[in-house]
């Protein structure tokens, strides 16, 4: 099925395929990807973020088995994997199934003695674009298994379990934002999350605004490399301040005044990483206030400042992302634009006046192809509901 088909049509075709494969009726759970409006690389520093769930999702069709085998077929990859729940892999294999195995292993550890299941997976969250296709898969699998076997878990517990699977099994040191908003997202709302306390509030996105996500088609991988390096640099900065200020456990506890007082004692690279996190937390606070009051002009200024900080201080942008931002800033109908996701490729998020969306899309596609030499993918979405049962 293409993205132009309706969600109902896609679910119906998934159910029919499951029936033919496994000879049984499934239940189907969905979990969305997400886009982060502002608050990048603050989540694992226990700061604040402002994401929204999007209308691209992973669907998991699942049915019971009488043994303890786990059969998982991915339509996206055209591959079937099979496991014994009593002998799940203990190490990742750099394969899409790692995300499934990590979650099932965490559920097995938590609940013990899980019965087997047949699974059929399908997702339309673009991979490697910074839109959390991995969290979407993790949450959908987790909620499908819990629903199938009548087990209860709170939304926060589900988000934590899926984050743990990605951290400890897959090896990507992500914060909890992606899984949390995939569980708790709400249609036509952004979600401001305190990544330490996990307190959150839903903030309305004006009805005349659309989320336009521009994919540079430069893929990134978060299971290692620069993402983990940045996280290590932030932890180094937190240790630096903990030696000088009582009570500091993460950069969440450091103020801009603290940074002005002690920051010059750190290596310049660590100073820059720290400055981004501290100023980004303040931008999230102000952006939440702007959404509350409907001040889209202020929201746009904060998004521009966020991108500049990610480019210059955190150094996770790239030429293609910067081209996208420059094009957006010259386009009518734009309220705000910035890179979104871990960086080193992926997407920009643009808040665009609804009436200007199609002309914005055309200008961005043509301008990017001319400047970067490749065609982008551009997705238009409203903020969507979080994970739930669809069939």
Protein backbone atom coordinates (compact mmCIF):
# COMPACT_ATOMS: atom_id res chain seq x y z
CA UNK A 1 0.00 0.00 0.00
CA UNK A 2 1.24 3.55 -0.65
CA UNK A 3 1.18 6.47 1.72
CA UNK A 4 -1.66 7.89 -0.39
CA UNK A 5 -3.97 5.07 0.73
CA UNK A 6 -6.02 5.70 3.85
CA UNK A 7 -5.02 4.33 7.27
CA UNK A 8 -8.10 2.12 7.19
CA UNK A 9 -7.09 0.62 3.82
CA UNK A 10 -3.55 -0.04 5.05
CA UNK A 11 -4.81 -1.74 8.19
CA UNK A 12 -7.29 -3.83 6.22
CA UNK A 13 -4.58 -5.08 3.87
CA UNK A 14 -2.34 -5.92 6.84
CA UNK A 15 -5.10 -7.96 8.46
CA UNK A 16 -5.76 -9.85 5.21
CA UNK A 17 -2.07 -10.62 4.76
CA UNK A 18 -1.87 -11.87 8.35
CA UNK A 19 -4.84 -14.20 7.82
CA UNK A 20 -3.20 -15.72 4.75
CA UNK A 21 0.16 -16.11 6.46
CA UNK A 22 -0.86 -17.47 9.82
CA UNK A 23 -4.45 -18.68 9.37
CA UNK A 24 -5.81 -16.71 12.30
CA UNK A 25 -7.42 -13.37 13.18
CA UNK A 26 -4.98 -10.78 14.52
CA UNK A 27 -5.31 -7.74 16.67
CA UNK A 28 -3.51 -4.70 15.28
CA UNK A 29 -1.69 -2.07 17.34
CA UNK A 30 -0.22 1.15 15.97
CA UNK A 31 2.37 3.58 17.31
CA UNK A 32 3.38 6.82 15.57
CA UNK A 33 6.71 8.37 14.81
CA UNK A 34 7.40 11.85 16.05
CA UNK A 35 8.86 15.18 15.08
CA UNK A 36 10.49 17.44 17.64
CA UNK A 37 9.44 21.06 17.34
CA UNK A 38 12.21 22.28 19.65
CA UNK A 39 14.43 20.87 22.39
CA UNK A 40 17.17 18.84 20.70
CA UNK A 41 19.75 16.80 22.64
CA UNK A 42 18.19 17.99 25.89
CA UNK A 43 16.30 14.78 26.68
CA UNK A 44 19.27 12.69 27.83
CA UNK A 45 20.44 15.71 29.82
CA UNK A 46 17.18 15.53 31.80
CA UNK A 47 15.95 18.78 30.30
CA UNK A 48 12.73 19.62 28.44
CA UNK A 49 11.53 18.83 24.93
CA UNK A 50 8.55 19.81 22.78
CA UNK A 51 7.70 17.02 20.28
CA UNK A 52 4.50 15.98 18.53
CA UNK A 53 3.40 12.57 17.28
CA UNK A 54 2.94 12.49 13.50
CA UNK A 55 0.63 10.74 11.06
CA UNK A 56 3.24 8.15 10.04
CA UNK A 57 3.25 4.97 12.09
CA UNK A 58 4.17 1.34 12.59
CA UNK A 59 1.40 -1.24 12.67
CA UNK A 60 1.88 -4.62 14.34
CA UNK A 61 -0.59 -7.43 13.64
CA UNK A 62 -0.26 -10.14 16.27
CA UNK A 63 -1.84 -13.49 17.11
CA UNK A 64 -1.31 -16.14 19.79
CA UNK A 65 0.69 -19.32 19.42
CA UNK A 66 0.41 -22.45 21.55
CA UNK A 67 4.20 -22.79 21.90
CA UNK A 68 6.95 -20.35 22.89
CA UNK A 69 8.09 -19.54 19.36
CA UNK A 70 8.13 -15.99 18.05
CA UNK A 71 7.63 -15.51 14.30
CA UNK A 72 8.12 -11.99 13.01
CA UNK A 73 7.64 -10.98 9.38
CA UNK A 74 8.48 -7.45 8.24
CA UNK A 75 6.66 -6.31 5.11
CA UNK A 76 9.08 -3.43 4.76
CA UNK A 77 12.10 -5.72 4.56
CA UNK A 78 10.41 -8.83 3.18
CA UNK A 79 12.11 -10.92 5.85
CA UNK A 80 10.91 -13.48 8.37
CA UNK A 81 12.79 -14.11 11.61
CA UNK A 82 12.03 -16.78 14.19
CA UNK A 83 13.05 -17.08 17.84
CA UNK A 84 12.61 -19.28 20.86
CA UNK A 85 11.40 -17.12 23.74
CA UNK A 86 13.34 -19.35 26.14
CA UNK A 87 16.57 -18.60 24.26
CA UNK A 88 16.44 -15.07 22.85
CA UNK A 89 19.65 -13.53 21.49
CA UNK A 90 21.70 -11.75 24.14
CA UNK A 91 23.57 -9.52 21.69
CA UNK A 92 22.33 -7.30 18.85
CA UNK A 93 22.98 -8.27 15.23
CA UNK A 94 22.72 -4.83 13.56
CA UNK A 95 19.45 -6.01 11.99
CA UNK A 96 15.97 -4.47 12.06
CA UNK A 97 14.86 -7.33 14.31
CA UNK A 98 17.09 -6.04 17.14
CA UNK A 99 14.37 -3.57 18.09
CA UNK A 100 11.80 -6.35 18.35
CA UNK A 101 14.11 -8.70 20.23
CA UNK A 102 15.14 -5.94 22.65
CA UNK A 103 11.53 -5.16 23.56
CA UNK A 104 10.45 -8.80 23.83
CA UNK A 105 13.50 -9.57 25.94
CA UNK A 106 12.66 -6.69 28.28
CA UNK A 107 9.03 -7.89 28.52
CA UNK A 108 10.21 -11.45 29.19
CA UNK A 109 12.46 -10.16 31.96
CA UNK A 110 9.63 -8.09 33.47
CA UNK A 111 6.79 -10.61 33.16
CA UNK A 112 8.49 -13.97 32.72
CA UNK A 113 7.20 -16.94 30.75
CA UNK A 114 5.65 -15.07 27.83
CA UNK A 115 3.77 -17.35 25.41
CA UNK A 116 4.71 -17.31 21.74
CA UNK A 117 3.17 -15.14 19.04
CA UNK A 118 2.95 -14.55 15.30
CA UNK A 119 3.70 -10.98 14.19
CA UNK A 120 3.40 -9.07 10.93
CA UNK A 121 4.98 -5.61 10.84
CA UNK A 122 4.44 -2.70 8.50
CA UNK A 123 5.56 0.90 8.92
CA UNK A 124 5.60 4.11 6.91
CA UNK A 125 7.77 6.19 9.26
CA UNK A 126 10.76 7.09 7.06
CA UNK A 127 13.91 5.39 8.35
CA UNK A 128 17.10 7.26 9.06
CA UNK A 129 15.24 10.57 8.90
CA UNK A 130 15.18 11.46 12.60
CA UNK A 131 11.44 10.74 12.90
CA UNK A 132 11.82 7.88 15.40
CA UNK A 133 10.92 4.88 13.29
CA UNK A 134 12.69 2.75 15.92
CA UNK A 135 10.61 4.07 18.84
CA UNK A 136 7.47 3.64 16.75
CA UNK A 137 8.35 -0.04 16.19
CA UNK A 138 9.30 -0.62 19.82
CA UNK A 139 6.13 0.90 21.26
CA UNK A 140 3.84 -0.87 18.77
CA UNK A 141 5.43 -4.27 19.53
CA UNK A 142 5.33 -3.68 23.29
CA UNK A 143 1.70 -2.59 23.38
CA UNK A 144 0.66 -5.38 20.98
CA UNK A 145 2.22 -8.05 23.20
CA UNK A 146 0.71 -6.60 26.36
CA UNK A 147 -2.74 -6.36 24.77
CA UNK A 148 -2.61 -9.87 23.30
CA UNK A 149 -1.82 -11.47 26.64
CA UNK A 150 -4.00 -9.23 28.80
CA UNK A 151 -1.11 -7.63 30.68
CA UNK A 152 -1.40 -4.09 32.01
CA UNK A 153 1.28 -1.42 32.07
CA UNK A 154 1.13 2.35 32.48
CA UNK A 155 2.18 4.54 29.59
CA UNK A 156 5.27 5.76 31.43
CA UNK A 157 6.32 2.17 32.13
CA UNK A 158 5.91 1.24 28.46
CA UNK A 159 8.03 4.23 27.39
CA UNK A 160 10.74 3.34 29.92
CA UNK A 161 10.78 -0.32 28.88
CA UNK A 162 11.15 0.56 25.20
CA UNK A 163 13.86 3.11 25.94
CA UNK A 164 15.73 0.52 27.99
CA UNK A 165 15.54 -1.95 25.12
CA UNK A 166 17.09 0.57 22.74
CA UNK A 167 19.74 1.66 25.25
CA UNK A 168 20.77 -1.71 26.63
CA UNK A 169 20.17 -4.12 23.75
CA UNK A 170 20.34 -2.14 20.50
CA UNK A 171 23.05 0.14 21.86
CA UNK A 172 21.62 3.56 20.98
CA UNK A 173 21.82 5.84 24.00
CA UNK A 174 18.56 7.67 23.27
CA UNK A 175 16.62 9.61 25.87
CA UNK A 176 12.99 8.86 26.64
CA UNK A 177 11.37 11.53 24.44
CA UNK A 178 10.77 9.38 21.36
CA UNK A 179 9.05 6.53 23.16
CA UNK A 180 7.14 8.86 25.49
CA UNK A 181 5.47 10.93 22.77
CA UNK A 182 4.77 7.79 20.71
CA UNK A 183 2.74 6.58 23.70
CA UNK A 184 1.22 9.87 24.91
CA UNK A 185 0.82 12.02 21.79
CA UNK A 186 -2.49 13.74 21.11
CA UNK A 187 -4.09 14.88 17.88
CA UNK A 188 -3.50 18.60 17.10
CA UNK A 189 -1.22 19.04 20.12
CA UNK A 190 2.46 19.24 20.91
CA UNK A 191 3.71 17.69 24.15
CA UNK A 192 6.09 19.47 26.48
CA UNK A 193 7.95 16.83 28.49
CA UNK A 194 10.19 17.24 31.53
CA UNK A 195 12.63 14.40 30.88
CA UNK A 196 13.60 14.09 34.55
CA UNK A 197 10.22 14.04 36.26
CA UNK A 198 8.30 12.83 33.16
CA UNK A 199 5.64 15.43 33.90
CA UNK A 200 4.10 16.66 30.68
CA UNK A 201 1.53 19.04 29.29
CA UNK A 202 -0.29 19.09 25.97
CA UNK A 203 -0.17 22.37 24.06
CA UNK A 204 -2.49 23.17 21.15
CA UNK A 205 -1.05 23.67 17.69
CA UNK A 206 -3.14 26.33 15.89
CA UNK A 207 -5.63 24.92 13.39
CA UNK A 208 -4.12 26.92 10.52
CA UNK A 209 -0.63 25.43 11.00
CA UNK A 210 0.73 22.29 9.35
CA UNK A 211 3.87 20.34 10.14
CA UNK A 212 5.92 20.14 6.96
CA UNK A 213 8.83 17.74 7.31
CA UNK A 214 11.56 18.01 4.68
CA UNK A 215 13.81 14.96 4.38
CA UNK A 216 17.29 15.71 3.05
CA UNK A 217 17.63 11.99 2.22
CA UNK A 218 20.94 12.01 4.10
CA UNK A 219 20.56 9.05 6.43
CA UNK A 220 22.03 8.86 9.88
CA UNK A 221 22.61 5.98 12.30
CA UNK A 222 22.21 6.62 16.03
CA UNK A 223 23.51 3.31 17.39
CA UNK A 224 26.99 4.73 17.83
CA UNK A 225 29.41 7.31 16.48
CA UNK A 226 28.76 11.01 16.80
CA UNK A 227 25.48 10.75 18.71
CA UNK A 228 27.07 8.78 21.52
CA UNK A 229 30.09 11.10 21.40
CA UNK A 230 27.85 14.12 21.99
CA UNK A 231 26.18 12.40 24.89
CA UNK A 232 29.56 11.60 26.41
CA UNK A 233 30.60 15.25 26.03
CA UNK A 234 27.48 16.36 27.89
CA UNK A 235 28.19 13.88 30.67
CA UNK A 236 31.71 15.25 30.90
CA UNK A 237 30.31 18.77 31.31
CA UNK A 238 27.92 17.58 34.01
CA UNK A 239 30.78 15.97 35.95
CA UNK A 240 32.75 19.21 35.66
CA UNK A 241 29.94 21.21 37.28
CA UNK A 242 29.21 18.50 39.87
CA UNK A 243 32.75 18.99 41.20
CA UNK A 244 32.06 22.70 41.71
CA UNK A 245 28.34 22.97 42.54
CA UNK A 246 26.56 20.75 45.10
CA UNK A 247 23.57 18.81 43.80
CA UNK A 248 24.42 18.77 40.09
CA UNK A 249 23.50 15.40 38.59
CA UNK A 250 23.09 16.41 34.95
CA UNK A 251 23.16 19.55 32.83
CA UNK A 252 19.53 20.00 33.86
CA UNK A 253 20.86 21.31 37.20
CA UNK A 254 23.25 23.87 35.69
CA UNK A 255 22.13 27.47 35.18
CA UNK A 256 23.39 29.99 32.66
CA UNK A 257 24.88 31.93 35.60
CA UNK A 258 26.82 28.80 36.59
CA UNK A 259 28.05 28.53 33.02
CA UNK A 260 29.17 32.17 32.96
CA UNK A 261 31.06 31.66 36.23
CA UNK A 262 32.84 28.37 35.51
CA UNK A 263 32.40 27.59 31.83
CA UNK A 264 35.66 29.06 30.58
CA UNK A 265 37.55 26.45 32.64
CA UNK A 266 36.26 23.68 30.36
CA UNK A 267 37.76 22.77 26.97
CA UNK A 268 36.20 24.92 24.24
CA UNK A 269 34.44 21.95 22.61
CA UNK A 270 32.76 21.00 25.92
CA UNK A 271 31.82 24.65 26.51
CA UNK A 272 29.98 24.71 23.21
CA UNK A 273 28.07 21.50 23.90
CA UNK A 274 27.08 22.74 27.33
CA UNK A 275 25.99 26.17 26.06
CA UNK A 276 23.68 24.55 23.53
CA UNK A 277 21.93 22.39 26.13
CA UNK A 278 21.44 25.24 28.62
CA UNK A 279 20.12 27.71 26.06
CA UNK A 280 17.97 25.05 24.38
CA UNK A 281 16.19 24.28 27.66
CA UNK A 282 15.31 27.96 27.93
CA UNK A 283 14.08 28.00 24.33
CA UNK A 284 11.75 25.08 25.08
CA UNK A 285 10.26 26.96 28.03
CA UNK A 286 9.68 30.06 25.92
CA UNK A 287 8.31 28.06 22.96
CA UNK A 288 5.76 26.38 25.24
CA UNK A 289 4.63 29.81 26.40
CA UNK A 290 4.43 30.96 22.78
CA UNK A 291 2.21 28.02 21.79
CA UNK A 292 0.02 28.62 24.83
CA UNK A 293 -0.56 32.21 23.76
CA UNK A 294 -0.61 31.54 20.00
CA UNK A 295 2.51 33.65 19.40
CA UNK A 296 3.83 31.90 16.29
CA UNK A 297 6.26 34.71 15.46
CA UNK A 298 8.10 34.12 18.73
CA UNK A 299 7.97 30.37 18.17
CA UNK A 300 9.64 30.86 14.79
CA UNK A 301 12.43 33.02 16.25
CA UNK A 302 13.14 30.37 18.87
CA UNK A 303 13.26 27.63 16.23
CA UNK A 304 15.76 29.67 14.20
CA UNK A 305 17.93 30.19 17.28
CA UNK A 306 17.72 26.47 18.03
CA UNK A 307 18.99 25.55 14.57
CA UNK A 308 21.86 28.02 14.82
CA UNK A 309 22.86 26.54 18.18
CA UNK A 310 22.70 22.98 16.85
CA UNK A 311 24.79 24.02 13.87
CA UNK A 312 27.42 26.11 15.64
CA UNK A 313 27.61 24.89 19.26
CA UNK A 314 26.47 21.27 19.14
CA UNK A 315 27.79 20.77 15.59
CA UNK A 316 25.22 18.19 14.51
CA UNK A 317 23.84 19.89 11.42
CA UNK A 318 25.17 19.31 7.91
CA UNK A 319 25.25 21.21 4.63
CA UNK A 320 22.04 19.68 3.35
CA UNK A 321 20.10 20.57 6.50
CA UNK A 322 21.42 24.14 6.38
CA UNK A 323 20.34 24.45 2.73
CA UNK A 324 16.83 23.31 3.71
CA UNK A 325 16.64 25.95 6.43
CA UNK A 326 17.86 28.74 4.14
CA UNK A 327 15.26 27.79 1.52
CA UNK A 328 12.47 27.67 4.10
CA UNK A 329 13.33 31.06 5.51
CA UNK A 330 12.83 32.59 2.07
CA UNK A 331 9.46 30.89 1.50
CA UNK A 332 6.05 32.53 2.09
CA UNK A 333 3.86 30.99 4.77
CA UNK A 334 6.69 29.92 7.08
CA UNK A 335 6.32 30.46 10.83
CA UNK A 336 9.45 28.60 11.89
CA UNK A 337 12.05 26.08 10.70
CA UNK A 338 14.89 24.05 12.21
CA UNK A 339 16.60 20.69 11.90
CA UNK A 340 14.93 17.98 13.94
CA UNK A 341 16.21 14.71 15.35
CA UNK A 342 19.71 13.63 16.31
CA UNK A 343 21.37 15.39 13.38
CA UNK A 344 24.04 14.50 10.82
CA UNK A 345 21.28 14.27 8.21
CA UNK A 346 17.59 13.56 8.37
CA UNK A 347 14.88 16.19 8.35
CA UNK A 348 13.88 19.74 9.04
CA UNK A 349 10.60 20.64 10.70
CA UNK A 350 8.69 23.61 9.33
CA UNK A 351 5.59 25.24 10.77
CA UNK A 352 3.69 26.47 7.73
CA UNK A 353 0.44 28.33 7.15
CA UNK A 354 -2.08 25.81 5.83
CA UNK A 355 -2.97 27.85 2.75
CA UNK A 356 0.69 28.03 1.73
CA UNK A 357 1.57 24.36 2.24
CA UNK A 358 1.47 23.24 -1.40
CA UNK A 359 3.44 26.22 -2.72
CA UNK A 360 5.90 25.76 0.16
CA UNK A 361 6.36 22.11 -0.77
CA UNK A 362 6.98 22.97 -4.43
CA UNK A 363 9.51 25.71 -3.62
CA UNK A 364 11.39 23.48 -1.18
CA UNK A 365 11.55 20.51 -3.56
CA UNK A 366 12.75 22.57 -6.52
CA UNK A 367 15.17 24.69 -4.51
CA UNK A 368 16.75 21.75 -2.72
CA UNK A 369 17.21 19.71 -5.87
CA UNK A 370 18.92 22.65 -7.55
CA UNK A 371 21.16 23.41 -4.55
CA UNK A 372 21.97 19.91 -3.32
CA UNK A 373 21.64 17.86 -6.49
CA UNK A 374 19.12 15.39 -5.12
CA UNK A 375 15.37 15.19 -4.69
CA UNK A 376 14.04 15.48 -1.13
CA UNK A 377 11.02 13.77 0.32
CA UNK A 378 8.50 16.13 1.88
CA UNK A 379 5.82 14.96 4.30
CA UNK A 380 2.85 16.97 5.48
CA UNK A 381 1.18 16.03 8.73
CA UNK A 382 -0.91 17.28 11.57
CA UNK A 383 -0.02 16.25 15.10
CA UNK A 384 -1.42 12.75 15.71
CA UNK A 385 -2.66 10.57 18.53
CA UNK A 386 -0.28 8.25 20.35
CA UNK A 387 -0.22 4.46 20.26
CA UNK A 388 -3.43 2.47 20.36
CA UNK A 389 -5.47 -0.47 19.12
CA UNK A 390 -6.73 -0.09 15.54
CA UNK A 391 -8.21 -3.52 14.79
